[in-house]
């Protein structure tokens, strides 16, 4: 269990480094698509360095009921 946790933590740290190198943290996300792109880049982790470039182009946030 401990080794798995360490692997997941390292995976996410590598993803955060990749997002930082792409400049995603230079400004706050303007919309949910940019926030989603940051999130999937972090989750993709080391895959970012083998050609994966995840992007969220559009997202629809549900509206509250009236």
PDB file of N, CA and C in Angstrom:
ATOM      1  N   UNK A   1       0.828  -1.200   0.000  1.00  0.00           N
ATOM      2  CA  UNK A   1       0.000   0.000   0.000  1.00  0.00           C
ATOM      3  C   UNK A   1       0.869   1.259   0.000  1.00  0.00           C
ATOM      4  N   UNK A   2       1.927   1.260   0.751  1.00  0.00           N
ATOM      5  CA  UNK A   2       2.787   2.433   0.852  1.00  0.00           C
ATOM      6  C   UNK A   2       3.498   2.711  -0.474  1.00  0.00           C
ATOM      7  N   UNK A   3       3.978   1.681  -1.138  1.00  0.00           N
ATOM      8  CA  UNK A   3       4.665   1.855  -2.428  1.00  0.00           C
ATOM      9  C   UNK A   3       3.700   2.436  -3.458  1.00  0.00           C
ATOM     10  N   UNK A   4       2.460   1.947  -3.479  1.00  0.00           N
ATOM     11  CA  UNK A   4       1.463   2.458  -4.412  1.00  0.00           C
ATOM     12  C   UNK A   4       1.192   3.934  -4.199  1.00  0.00           C
ATOM     13  N   UNK A   5       1.120   4.348  -2.944  1.00  0.00           N
ATOM     14  CA  UNK A   5       0.889   5.762  -2.628  1.00  0.00           C
ATOM     15  C   UNK A   5       2.040   6.625  -3.101  1.00  0.00           C
ATOM     16  N   UNK A   6       3.243   6.129  -2.926  1.00  0.00           N
ATOM     17  CA  UNK A   6       4.416   6.887  -3.359  1.00  0.00           C
ATOM     18  C   UNK A   6       4.435   7.003  -4.881  1.00  0.00           C
ATOM     19  N   UNK A   7       4.090   5.933  -5.572  1.00  0.00           N
ATOM     20  CA  UNK A   7       4.057   5.963  -7.046  1.00  0.00           C
ATOM     21  C   UNK A   7       3.018   6.962  -7.533  1.00  0.00           C
ATOM     22  N   UNK A   8       1.836   6.964  -6.929  1.00  0.00           N
ATOM     23  CA  UNK A   8       0.783   7.911  -7.327  1.00  0.00           C
ATOM     24  C   UNK A   8       1.231   9.343  -7.056  1.00  0.00           C
ATOM     25  N   UNK A   9       1.851   9.587  -5.920  1.00  0.00           N
ATOM     26  CA  UNK A   9       2.314  10.932  -5.580  1.00  0.00           C
ATOM     27  C   UNK A   9       3.369  11.408  -6.579  1.00  0.00           C
ATOM     28  N   UNK A  10       4.336  10.553  -6.901  1.00  0.00           N
ATOM     29  CA  UNK A  10       5.376  10.925  -7.872  1.00  0.00           C
ATOM     30  C   UNK A  10       4.759  11.175  -9.243  1.00  0.00           C
ATOM     31  N   UNK A  11       3.783  10.331  -9.636  1.00  0.00           N
ATOM     32  CA  UNK A  11       3.086  10.488 -10.919  1.00  0.00           C
ATOM     33  C   UNK A  11       2.441  11.879 -11.003  1.00  0.00           C
ATOM     34  N   UNK A  12       1.733  12.280  -9.941  1.00  0.00           N
ATOM     35  CA  UNK A  12       1.047  13.572  -9.942  1.00  0.00           C
ATOM     36  C   UNK A  12       2.022  14.740  -9.891  1.00  0.00           C
ATOM     37  N   UNK A  13       3.123  14.578  -9.186  1.00  0.00           N
ATOM     38  CA  UNK A  13       4.138  15.638  -9.135  1.00  0.00           C
ATOM     39  C   UNK A  13       4.742  15.844 -10.524  1.00  0.00           C
ATOM     40  N   UNK A  14       5.019  14.756 -11.227  1.00  0.00           N
ATOM     41  CA  UNK A  14       5.549  14.870 -12.596  1.00  0.00           C
ATOM     42  C   UNK A  14       4.530  15.571 -13.497  1.00  0.00           C
ATOM     43  N   UNK A  15       3.253  15.263 -13.327  1.00  0.00           N
ATOM     44  CA  UNK A  15       2.208  15.939 -14.100  1.00  0.00           C
ATOM     45  C   UNK A  15       2.131  17.421 -13.787  1.00  0.00           C
ATOM     46  N   UNK A  16       2.291  17.768 -12.518  1.00  0.00           N
ATOM     47  CA  UNK A  16       2.271  19.184 -12.133  1.00  0.00           C
ATOM     48  C   UNK A  16       3.473  19.918 -12.711  1.00  0.00           C
ATOM     49  N   UNK A  17       4.614  19.253 -12.761  1.00  0.00           N
ATOM     50  CA  UNK A  17       5.803  19.865 -13.370  1.00  0.00           C
ATOM     51  C   UNK A  17       5.563  20.102 -14.862  1.00  0.00           C
ATOM     52  N   UNK A  18       4.957  19.129 -15.536  1.00  0.00           N
ATOM     53  CA  UNK A  18       4.661  19.291 -16.965  1.00  0.00           C
ATOM     54  C   UNK A  18       3.691  20.447 -17.190  1.00  0.00           C
ATOM     55  N   UNK A  19       2.678  20.566 -16.338  1.00  0.00           N
ATOM     56  CA  UNK A  19       1.726  21.683 -16.465  1.00  0.00           C
ATOM     57  C   UNK A  19       2.429  23.014 -16.233  1.00  0.00           C
ATOM     58  N   UNK A  20       3.337  23.054 -15.294  1.00  0.00           N
ATOM     59  CA  UNK A  20       4.106  24.273 -15.047  1.00  0.00           C
ATOM     60  C   UNK A  20       4.988  24.643 -16.222  1.00  0.00           C
ATOM     61  N   UNK A  21       5.600  23.641 -16.860  1.00  0.00           N
ATOM     62  CA  UNK A  21       6.447  23.907 -18.015  1.00  0.00           C
ATOM     63  C   UNK A  21       5.643  24.411 -19.204  1.00  0.00           C
ATOM     64  N   UNK A  22       4.392  24.044 -19.283  1.00  0.00           N
ATOM     65  CA  UNK A  22       3.528  24.528 -20.366  1.00  0.00           C
ATOM     66  C   UNK A  22       2.927  25.893 -20.048  1.00  0.00           C
ATOM     67  N   UNK A  23       3.196  26.433 -18.873  1.00  0.00           N
ATOM     68  CA  UNK A  23       2.738  27.766 -18.517  1.00  0.00           C
ATOM     69  C   UNK A  23       1.299  27.822 -18.029  1.00  0.00           C
ATOM     70  N   UNK A  24       0.739  26.692 -17.620  1.00  0.00           N
ATOM     71  CA  UNK A  24      -0.653  26.665 -17.199  1.00  0.00           C
ATOM     72  C   UNK A  24      -0.874  27.355 -15.854  1.00  0.00           C
ATOM     73  N   UNK A  25       0.165  27.519 -15.057  1.00  0.00           N
ATOM     74  CA  UNK A  25       0.003  28.130 -13.741  1.00  0.00           C
ATOM     75  C   UNK A  25       0.333  29.620 -13.747  1.00  0.00           C
ATOM     76  N   UNK A  26       0.621  30.181 -14.911  1.00  0.00           N
ATOM     77  CA  UNK A  26       1.018  31.591 -14.976  1.00  0.00           C
ATOM     78  C   UNK A  26      -0.147  32.546 -14.722  1.00  0.00           C
ATOM     79  N   UNK A  27      -1.370  32.085 -14.951  1.00  0.00           N
ATOM     80  CA  UNK A  27      -2.541  32.907 -14.657  1.00  0.00           C
ATOM     81  C   UNK A  27      -3.667  32.008 -14.172  1.00  0.00           C
ATOM     82  N   UNK A  28      -4.660  32.614 -13.577  1.00  0.00           N
ATOM     83  CA  UNK A  28      -5.777  31.807 -13.087  1.00  0.00           C
ATOM     84  C   UNK A  28      -6.642  31.353 -14.267  1.00  0.00           C
ATOM     85  N   UNK A  29      -7.249  30.168 -14.145  1.00  0.00           N
ATOM     86  CA  UNK A  29      -8.089  29.677 -15.244  1.00  0.00           C
ATOM     87  C   UNK A  29      -9.290  30.593 -15.486  1.00  0.00           C
ATOM     88  N   UNK A  30      -9.497  30.970 -16.741  1.00  0.00           N
ATOM     89  CA  UNK A  30     -10.604  31.853 -17.093  1.00  0.00           C
ATOM     90  C   UNK A  30     -11.929  31.107 -17.154  1.00  0.00           C
ATOM     91  N   UNK A  31     -11.883  29.839 -17.494  1.00  0.00           N
ATOM     92  CA  UNK A  31     -13.116  29.072 -17.637  1.00  0.00           C
ATOM     93  C   UNK A  31     -12.857  27.626 -17.229  1.00  0.00           C
ATOM     94  N   UNK A  32     -13.895  26.830 -17.282  1.00  0.00           N
ATOM     95  CA  UNK A  32     -13.752  25.444 -16.833  1.00  0.00           C
ATOM     96  C   UNK A  32     -12.930  24.620 -17.816  1.00  0.00           C
ATOM     97  N   UNK A  33     -12.853  25.021 -19.078  1.00  0.00           N
ATOM     98  CA  UNK A  33     -12.050  24.281 -20.040  1.00  0.00           C
ATOM     99  C   UNK A  33     -10.561  24.384 -19.702  1.00  0.00           C
ATOM    100  N   UNK A  34     -10.122  25.562 -19.313  1.00  0.00           N
ATOM    101  CA  UNK A  34      -8.716  25.727 -18.947  1.00  0.00           C
ATOM    102  C   UNK A  34      -8.413  24.987 -17.646  1.00  0.00           C
ATOM    103  N   UNK A  35      -9.326  25.040 -16.692  1.00  0.00           N
ATOM    104  CA  UNK A  35      -9.138  24.307 -15.436  1.00  0.00           C
ATOM    105  C   UNK A  35      -9.117  22.803 -15.703  1.00  0.00           C
ATOM    106  N   UNK A  36      -9.968  22.343 -16.600  1.00  0.00           N
ATOM    107  CA  UNK A  36      -9.984  20.929 -16.967  1.00  0.00           C
ATOM    108  C   UNK A  36      -8.703  20.501 -17.653  1.00  0.00           C
ATOM    109  N   UNK A  37      -8.164  21.353 -18.499  1.00  0.00           N
ATOM    110  CA  UNK A  37      -6.904  21.049 -19.179  1.00  0.00           C
ATOM    111  C   UNK A  37      -5.774  20.919 -18.172  1.00  0.00           C
ATOM    112  N   UNK A  38      -5.744  21.808 -17.198  1.00  0.00           N
ATOM    113  CA  UNK A  38      -4.725  21.718 -16.144  1.00  0.00           C
ATOM    114  C   UNK A  38      -4.869  20.413 -15.381  1.00  0.00           C
ATOM    115  N   UNK A  39      -6.098  20.054 -15.039  1.00  0.00           N
ATOM    116  CA  UNK A  39      -6.336  18.826 -14.271  1.00  0.00           C
ATOM    117  C   UNK A  39      -5.932  17.578 -15.048  1.00  0.00           C
ATOM    118  N   UNK A  40      -6.319  17.476 -16.319  1.00  0.00           N
ATOM    119  CA  UNK A  40      -5.974  16.262 -17.070  1.00  0.00           C
ATOM    120  C   UNK A  40      -4.485  16.208 -17.390  1.00  0.00           C
ATOM    121  N   UNK A  41      -3.825  17.346 -17.493  1.00  0.00           N
ATOM    122  CA  UNK A  41      -2.379  17.357 -17.691  1.00  0.00           C
ATOM    123  C   UNK A  41      -1.685  16.794 -16.454  1.00  0.00           C
ATOM    124  N   UNK A  42      -2.149  17.187 -15.283  1.00  0.00           N
ATOM    125  CA  UNK A  42      -1.564  16.667 -14.043  1.00  0.00           C
ATOM    126  C   UNK A  42      -1.825  15.175 -13.914  1.00  0.00           C
ATOM    127  N   UNK A  43      -3.036  14.739 -14.214  1.00  0.00           N
ATOM    128  CA  UNK A  43      -3.373  13.318 -14.104  1.00  0.00           C
ATOM    129  C   UNK A  43      -2.602  12.485 -15.128  1.00  0.00           C
ATOM    130  N   UNK A  44      -2.313  13.032 -16.298  1.00  0.00           N
ATOM    131  CA  UNK A  44      -1.562  12.301 -17.314  1.00  0.00           C
ATOM    132  C   UNK A  44      -0.126  12.035 -16.877  1.00  0.00           C
ATOM    133  N   UNK A  45       0.378  12.847 -15.971  1.00  0.00           N
ATOM    134  CA  UNK A  45       1.697  12.620 -15.385  1.00  0.00           C
ATOM    135  C   UNK A  45       2.805  12.490 -16.412  1.00  0.00           C
ATOM    136  N   UNK A  46       3.620  11.432 -16.281  1.00  0.00           N
ATOM    137  CA  UNK A  46       4.769  11.252 -17.175  1.00  0.00           C
ATOM    138  C   UNK A  46       4.392  11.043 -18.639  1.00  0.00           C
ATOM    139  N   UNK A  47       3.147  10.711 -18.912  1.00  0.00           N
ATOM    140  CA  UNK A  47       2.729  10.532 -20.303  1.00  0.00           C
ATOM    141  C   UNK A  47       2.874  11.826 -21.102  1.00  0.00           C
ATOM    142  N   UNK A  48       2.910  12.964 -20.411  1.00  0.00           N
ATOM    143  CA  UNK A  48       3.115  14.243 -21.080  1.00  0.00           C
ATOM    144  C   UNK A  48       4.449  14.281 -21.811  1.00  0.00           C
ATOM    145  N   UNK A  49       5.429  13.528 -21.318  1.00  0.00           N
ATOM    146  CA  UNK A  49       6.763  13.564 -21.899  1.00  0.00           C
ATOM    147  C   UNK A  49       6.964  12.545 -23.019  1.00  0.00           C
ATOM    148  N   UNK A  50       5.933  11.769 -23.327  1.00  0.00           N
ATOM    149  CA  UNK A  50       6.017  10.840 -24.455  1.00  0.00           C
ATOM    150  C   UNK A  50       5.026  11.210 -25.548  1.00  0.00           C
ATOM    151  N   UNK A  51       4.542  12.437 -25.519  1.00  0.00           N
ATOM    152  CA  UNK A  51       3.711  12.925 -26.612  1.00  0.00           C
ATOM    153  C   UNK A  51       2.251  13.168 -26.296  1.00  0.00           C
ATOM    154  N   UNK A  52       1.788  12.800 -25.118  1.00  0.00           N
ATOM    155  CA  UNK A  52       0.392  13.042 -24.765  1.00  0.00           C
ATOM    156  C   UNK A  52       0.236  14.525 -24.440  1.00  0.00           C
ATOM    157  N   UNK A  53      -0.730  15.166 -25.059  1.00  0.00           N
ATOM    158  CA  UNK A  53      -0.996  16.580 -24.803  1.00  0.00           C
ATOM    159  C   UNK A  53      -2.505  16.749 -24.599  1.00  0.00           C
ATOM    160  N   UNK A  54      -2.998  16.381 -23.407  1.00  0.00           N
ATOM    161  CA  UNK A  54      -4.440  16.439 -23.188  1.00  0.00           C
ATOM    162  C   UNK A  54      -4.946  17.874 -23.124  1.00  0.00           C
ATOM    163  N   UNK A  55      -6.068  18.116 -23.782  1.00  0.00           N
ATOM    164  CA  UNK A  55      -6.703  19.439 -23.750  1.00  0.00           C
ATOM    165  C   UNK A  55      -8.207  19.264 -23.694  1.00  0.00           C
ATOM    166  N   UNK A  56      -8.843  20.096 -22.924  1.00  0.00           N
ATOM    167  CA  UNK A  56     -10.293  20.162 -22.863  1.00  0.00           C
ATOM    168  C   UNK A  56     -10.685  21.394 -23.670  1.00  0.00           C
ATOM    169  N   UNK A  57     -11.428  21.197 -24.744  1.00  0.00           N
ATOM    170  CA  UNK A  57     -11.784  22.316 -25.622  1.00  0.00           C
ATOM    171  C   UNK A  57     -13.040  23.044 -25.176  1.00  0.00           C
ATOM    172  N   UNK A  58     -13.984  22.322 -24.639  1.00  0.00           N
ATOM    173  CA  UNK A  58     -15.242  22.945 -24.243  1.00  0.00           C
ATOM    174  C   UNK A  58     -15.825  22.149 -23.090  1.00  0.00           C
ATOM    175  N   UNK A  59     -16.461  22.837 -22.196  1.00  0.00           N
ATOM    176  CA  UNK A  59     -17.146  22.144 -21.110  1.00  0.00           C
ATOM    177  C   UNK A  59     -18.435  22.900 -20.782  1.00  0.00           C
ATOM    178  N   UNK A  60     -19.399  22.158 -20.368  1.00  0.00           N
ATOM    179  CA  UNK A  60     -20.690  22.736 -20.001  1.00  0.00           C
ATOM    180  C   UNK A  60     -20.946  22.482 -18.525  1.00  0.00           C
ATOM    181  N   UNK A  61     -21.055  23.548 -17.791  1.00  0.00           N
ATOM    182  CA  UNK A  61     -21.311  23.441 -16.369  1.00  0.00           C
ATOM    183  C   UNK A  61     -22.826  23.438 -16.170  1.00  0.00           C
ATOM    184  N   UNK A  62     -23.344  22.462 -15.419  1.00  0.00           N
ATOM    185  CA  UNK A  62     -24.777  22.434 -15.201  1.00  0.00           C
ATOM    186  C   UNK A  62     -25.258  23.672 -14.441  1.00  0.00           C
ATOM    187  N   UNK A  63     -26.398  24.154 -14.831  1.00  0.00           N
ATOM    188  CA  UNK A  63     -26.982  25.334 -14.179  1.00  0.00           C
ATOM    189  C   UNK A  63     -27.835  24.861 -12.985  1.00  0.00           C
ATOM    190  N   UNK A  64     -27.872  25.651 -11.935  1.00  0.00           N
ATOM    191  CA  UNK A  64     -28.677  25.271 -10.784  1.00  0.00           C
ATOM    192  C   UNK A  64     -30.180  25.291 -11.123  1.00  0.00           C
ATOM    193  N   UNK A  65     -30.900  24.421 -10.492  1.00  0.00           N
ATOM    194  CA  UNK A  65     -32.352  24.407 -10.743  1.00  0.00           C
ATOM    195  C   UNK A  65     -33.004  25.597 -10.082  1.00  0.00           C
ATOM    196  N   UNK A  66     -34.173  25.982 -10.610  1.00  0.00           N
ATOM    197  CA  UNK A  66     -34.872  27.164 -10.070  1.00  0.00           C
ATOM    198  C   UNK A  66     -36.009  26.771  -9.202  1.00  0.00           C
TER     199      UNK A  66
END
